[in-house]
Amino acid sequence: MIRRTASLPKADAQLGLPFDGAETSAPPVQVPGDPISVRVAEAIRLTGIGRSKLYELMASGDIETIKVGRCTLIPMTSLRALVRRGAP
């Protein structure tokens, strides 16, 4: 069994999330070890959005989802876009 531990990005690494409200035309920077998609519980933790609100955004199509069997995945690009434009 291989156990993998999460590694935190270095302080100087860009996450591709503009926190100052400035729009960027460049695509988000992919940090090594940064996941392509996350499960719903992780999306809630990362964004700080409540579970019910996240499911509302998923149902309305504001957040893209991918179903793999019974697992629902949310692409990180979709979460970044949500944060960039602000939740409705």
N, C-alpha and C. Protein backbone atom coordinates (compact mmCIF):
# COMPACT_ATOMS: atom_id res chain seq x y z
N MET A 1 0.84 -1.17 0.00
CA MET A 1 0.00 0.00 0.00
C MET A 1 0.89 1.24 0.00
N ILE A 2 0.59 2.15 -0.87
CA ILE A 2 1.34 3.39 -0.95
C ILE A 2 0.51 4.49 -0.33
N ARG A 3 1.06 5.16 0.63
CA ARG A 3 0.37 6.28 1.28
C ARG A 3 0.93 7.58 0.73
N ARG A 4 0.05 8.40 0.25
CA ARG A 4 0.47 9.69 -0.29
C ARG A 4 0.00 10.78 0.64
N THR A 5 0.87 11.69 0.93
CA THR A 5 0.50 12.81 1.78
C THR A 5 0.33 14.05 0.93
N ALA A 6 -0.56 14.89 1.35
CA ALA A 6 -0.81 16.13 0.62
C ALA A 6 0.35 17.07 0.85
N SER A 7 0.77 17.71 -0.21
CA SER A 7 1.83 18.71 -0.08
C SER A 7 1.23 20.08 -0.33
N LEU A 8 1.57 21.01 0.51
CA LEU A 8 1.07 22.37 0.37
C LEU A 8 1.91 23.12 -0.64
N PRO A 9 1.30 23.99 -1.42
CA PRO A 9 2.08 24.77 -2.38
C PRO A 9 3.02 25.72 -1.64
N LYS A 10 4.13 26.00 -2.27
CA LYS A 10 5.11 26.92 -1.68
C LYS A 10 4.53 28.32 -1.65
N ALA A 11 5.06 29.13 -0.78
CA ALA A 11 4.52 30.47 -0.57
C ALA A 11 4.55 31.31 -1.84
N ASP A 12 5.53 31.08 -2.73
CA ASP A 12 5.63 31.88 -3.93
C ASP A 12 4.90 31.27 -5.13
N ALA A 13 4.25 30.13 -4.94
CA ALA A 13 3.53 29.48 -6.03
C ALA A 13 2.21 30.19 -6.29
N GLN A 14 1.87 30.38 -7.55
CA GLN A 14 0.60 30.99 -7.91
C GLN A 14 -0.45 29.91 -8.02
N LEU A 15 -1.63 30.18 -7.48
CA LEU A 15 -2.72 29.23 -7.54
C LEU A 15 -3.69 29.54 -8.65
N GLY A 16 -3.54 30.66 -9.32
CA GLY A 16 -4.44 31.01 -10.40
C GLY A 16 -5.75 31.62 -9.92
N LEU A 17 -5.81 32.03 -8.66
CA LEU A 17 -7.01 32.67 -8.13
C LEU A 17 -6.72 34.13 -7.88
N PRO A 18 -7.26 35.02 -8.68
CA PRO A 18 -7.00 36.45 -8.45
C PRO A 18 -7.84 36.96 -7.28
N PHE A 19 -7.22 37.23 -6.16
CA PHE A 19 -7.94 37.67 -4.98
C PHE A 19 -8.16 39.17 -4.94
N ASP A 20 -7.44 39.90 -5.78
CA ASP A 20 -7.60 41.34 -5.77
C ASP A 20 -8.70 41.82 -6.71
N GLY A 21 -9.42 40.90 -7.33
CA GLY A 21 -10.51 41.25 -8.23
C GLY A 21 -10.07 41.56 -9.64
N ALA A 22 -8.78 41.53 -9.91
CA ALA A 22 -8.28 41.82 -11.25
C ALA A 22 -8.54 40.63 -12.17
N GLU A 23 -9.06 40.91 -13.33
CA GLU A 23 -9.28 39.85 -14.31
C GLU A 23 -7.98 39.55 -15.03
N THR A 24 -7.72 38.29 -15.24
CA THR A 24 -6.52 37.90 -15.97
C THR A 24 -6.94 37.15 -17.22
N SER A 25 -6.21 37.37 -18.29
CA SER A 25 -6.53 36.67 -19.53
C SER A 25 -5.76 35.37 -19.64
N ALA A 26 -4.71 35.20 -18.85
CA ALA A 26 -3.92 33.98 -18.89
C ALA A 26 -4.67 32.87 -18.15
N PRO A 27 -4.51 31.62 -18.60
CA PRO A 27 -5.16 30.52 -17.91
C PRO A 27 -4.55 30.34 -16.52
N PRO A 28 -5.30 29.72 -15.60
CA PRO A 28 -4.78 29.50 -14.26
C PRO A 28 -3.52 28.65 -14.29
N VAL A 29 -2.62 28.92 -13.37
CA VAL A 29 -1.38 28.17 -13.28
C VAL A 29 -1.66 26.84 -12.60
N GLN A 30 -1.22 25.76 -13.20
CA GLN A 30 -1.38 24.44 -12.61
C GLN A 30 -0.19 24.16 -11.72
N VAL A 31 -0.43 24.11 -10.42
CA VAL A 31 0.63 23.84 -9.46
C VAL A 31 0.85 22.33 -9.41
N PRO A 32 2.11 21.88 -9.45
CA PRO A 32 2.36 20.43 -9.35
C PRO A 32 1.72 19.87 -8.08
N GLY A 33 0.98 18.81 -8.24
CA GLY A 33 0.28 18.21 -7.12
C GLY A 33 -1.11 18.77 -6.92
N ASP A 34 -1.47 19.81 -7.67
CA ASP A 34 -2.80 20.41 -7.60
C ASP A 34 -3.77 19.47 -8.32
N PRO A 35 -4.88 19.08 -7.68
CA PRO A 35 -5.80 18.14 -8.32
C PRO A 35 -6.53 18.76 -9.51
N ILE A 36 -6.90 17.92 -10.46
CA ILE A 36 -7.68 18.36 -11.61
C ILE A 36 -9.13 18.54 -11.21
N SER A 37 -9.60 17.66 -10.34
CA SER A 37 -10.97 17.74 -9.85
C SER A 37 -11.00 17.31 -8.40
N VAL A 38 -12.10 17.68 -7.70
CA VAL A 38 -12.27 17.32 -6.30
C VAL A 38 -13.68 16.81 -6.08
N ARG A 39 -13.87 16.10 -4.98
CA ARG A 39 -15.21 15.65 -4.60
C ARG A 39 -15.95 16.80 -3.95
N VAL A 40 -17.25 16.61 -3.75
CA VAL A 40 -18.11 17.67 -3.23
C VAL A 40 -17.62 18.15 -1.86
N ALA A 41 -17.28 17.24 -0.95
CA ALA A 41 -16.84 17.63 0.39
C ALA A 41 -15.59 18.50 0.33
N GLU A 42 -14.66 18.18 -0.55
CA GLU A 42 -13.44 18.97 -0.69
C GLU A 42 -13.76 20.33 -1.32
N ALA A 43 -14.68 20.39 -2.27
CA ALA A 43 -15.08 21.66 -2.88
C ALA A 43 -15.70 22.58 -1.83
N ILE A 44 -16.47 22.01 -0.92
CA ILE A 44 -17.06 22.79 0.17
C ILE A 44 -15.96 23.37 1.04
N ARG A 45 -14.99 22.55 1.37
CA ARG A 45 -13.88 23.00 2.23
C ARG A 45 -13.04 24.07 1.54
N LEU A 46 -12.76 23.89 0.25
CA LEU A 46 -11.91 24.82 -0.47
C LEU A 46 -12.56 26.18 -0.68
N THR A 47 -13.85 26.18 -0.98
CA THR A 47 -14.53 27.44 -1.31
C THR A 47 -15.16 28.12 -0.11
N GLY A 48 -15.51 27.35 0.90
CA GLY A 48 -16.22 27.92 2.05
C GLY A 48 -17.70 28.08 1.79
N ILE A 49 -18.18 27.57 0.66
CA ILE A 49 -19.60 27.62 0.33
C ILE A 49 -20.30 26.49 1.08
N GLY A 50 -21.48 26.74 1.56
CA GLY A 50 -22.25 25.71 2.25
C GLY A 50 -22.67 24.60 1.30
N ARG A 51 -22.93 23.44 1.87
CA ARG A 51 -23.29 22.26 1.08
C ARG A 51 -24.54 22.49 0.24
N SER A 52 -25.58 23.06 0.85
CA SER A 52 -26.83 23.28 0.12
C SER A 52 -26.63 24.25 -1.04
N LYS A 53 -25.87 25.33 -0.79
CA LYS A 53 -25.62 26.31 -1.85
C LYS A 53 -24.81 25.69 -2.97
N LEU A 54 -23.83 24.85 -2.63
CA LEU A 54 -23.02 24.20 -3.65
C LEU A 54 -23.89 23.30 -4.52
N TYR A 55 -24.80 22.55 -3.91
CA TYR A 55 -25.70 21.70 -4.69
C TYR A 55 -26.64 22.54 -5.55
N GLU A 56 -27.07 23.71 -5.07
CA GLU A 56 -27.89 24.61 -5.89
C GLU A 56 -27.11 25.08 -7.12
N LEU A 57 -25.84 25.45 -6.91
CA LEU A 57 -25.01 25.90 -8.02
C LEU A 57 -24.76 24.77 -9.02
N MET A 58 -24.63 23.55 -8.51
CA MET A 58 -24.46 22.40 -9.40
C MET A 58 -25.73 22.16 -10.22
N ALA A 59 -26.89 22.25 -9.57
CA ALA A 59 -28.17 22.01 -10.26
C ALA A 59 -28.45 23.07 -11.31
N SER A 60 -28.05 24.31 -11.04
CA SER A 60 -28.31 25.39 -11.99
C SER A 60 -27.30 25.43 -13.13
N GLY A 61 -26.21 24.66 -13.00
CA GLY A 61 -25.20 24.63 -14.05
C GLY A 61 -24.10 25.66 -13.87
N ASP A 62 -24.13 26.40 -12.75
CA ASP A 62 -23.08 27.39 -12.49
C ASP A 62 -21.75 26.72 -12.16
N ILE A 63 -21.81 25.49 -11.66
CA ILE A 63 -20.61 24.70 -11.39
C ILE A 63 -20.71 23.43 -12.21
N GLU A 64 -19.68 23.15 -12.98
CA GLU A 64 -19.63 21.95 -13.81
C GLU A 64 -19.37 20.74 -12.92
N THR A 65 -20.02 19.63 -13.23
CA THR A 65 -19.79 18.39 -12.50
C THR A 65 -19.52 17.26 -13.47
N ILE A 66 -18.82 16.26 -12.97
CA ILE A 66 -18.51 15.06 -13.74
C ILE A 66 -18.90 13.87 -12.88
N LYS A 67 -19.72 12.99 -13.42
CA LYS A 67 -20.10 11.78 -12.69
C LYS A 67 -19.24 10.62 -13.17
N VAL A 68 -18.61 9.94 -12.23
CA VAL A 68 -17.85 8.72 -12.49
C VAL A 68 -18.45 7.67 -11.58
N GLY A 69 -19.32 6.85 -12.16
CA GLY A 69 -20.06 5.91 -11.33
C GLY A 69 -20.95 6.68 -10.37
N ARG A 70 -20.80 6.42 -9.07
CA ARG A 70 -21.58 7.14 -8.06
C ARG A 70 -20.86 8.37 -7.53
N CYS A 71 -19.65 8.57 -7.97
CA CYS A 71 -18.82 9.67 -7.47
C CYS A 71 -19.07 10.94 -8.31
N THR A 72 -19.31 12.06 -7.64
CA THR A 72 -19.46 13.34 -8.31
C THR A 72 -18.17 14.13 -8.14
N LEU A 73 -17.57 14.52 -9.24
CA LEU A 73 -16.34 15.30 -9.23
C LEU A 73 -16.61 16.70 -9.75
N ILE A 74 -15.91 17.67 -9.20
CA ILE A 74 -16.03 19.05 -9.63
C ILE A 74 -14.65 19.49 -10.12
N PRO A 75 -14.53 19.88 -11.39
CA PRO A 75 -13.23 20.35 -11.90
C PRO A 75 -12.77 21.61 -11.17
N MET A 76 -11.49 21.67 -10.88
CA MET A 76 -10.92 22.85 -10.21
C MET A 76 -11.10 24.10 -11.06
N THR A 77 -11.08 23.94 -12.39
CA THR A 77 -11.28 25.11 -13.26
C THR A 77 -12.67 25.72 -13.04
N SER A 78 -13.65 24.87 -12.77
CA SER A 78 -15.00 25.35 -12.52
C SER A 78 -15.08 26.10 -11.19
N LEU A 79 -14.38 25.59 -10.16
CA LEU A 79 -14.35 26.27 -8.87
C LEU A 79 -13.63 27.61 -8.97
N ARG A 80 -12.52 27.63 -9.70
CA ARG A 80 -11.77 28.88 -9.87
C ARG A 80 -12.62 29.92 -10.61
N ALA A 81 -13.35 29.47 -11.63
CA ALA A 81 -14.20 30.39 -12.38
C ALA A 81 -15.31 30.94 -11.49
N LEU A 82 -15.87 30.12 -10.63
CA LEU A 82 -16.90 30.56 -9.70
C LEU A 82 -16.37 31.63 -8.77
N VAL A 83 -15.20 31.41 -8.21
CA VAL A 83 -14.60 32.38 -7.30
C VAL A 83 -14.25 33.67 -8.04
N ARG A 84 -13.76 33.53 -9.27
CA ARG A 84 -13.36 34.69 -10.07
C ARG A 84 -14.57 35.60 -10.35
N ARG A 85 -15.70 35.02 -10.71
CA ARG A 85 -16.86 35.84 -11.07
C ARG A 85 -17.75 36.15 -9.86
N GLY A 86 -17.57 35.44 -8.75
CA GLY A 86 -18.40 35.65 -7.56
C GLY A 86 -19.64 34.78 -7.63
N ALA A 87 -20.01 34.19 -6.54
CA ALA A 87 -21.17 33.30 -6.50
C ALA A 87 -22.45 34.12 -6.66
N PRO A 88 -23.41 33.59 -7.43
CA PRO A 88 -24.67 34.32 -7.62
C PRO A 88 -25.51 34.32 -6.37
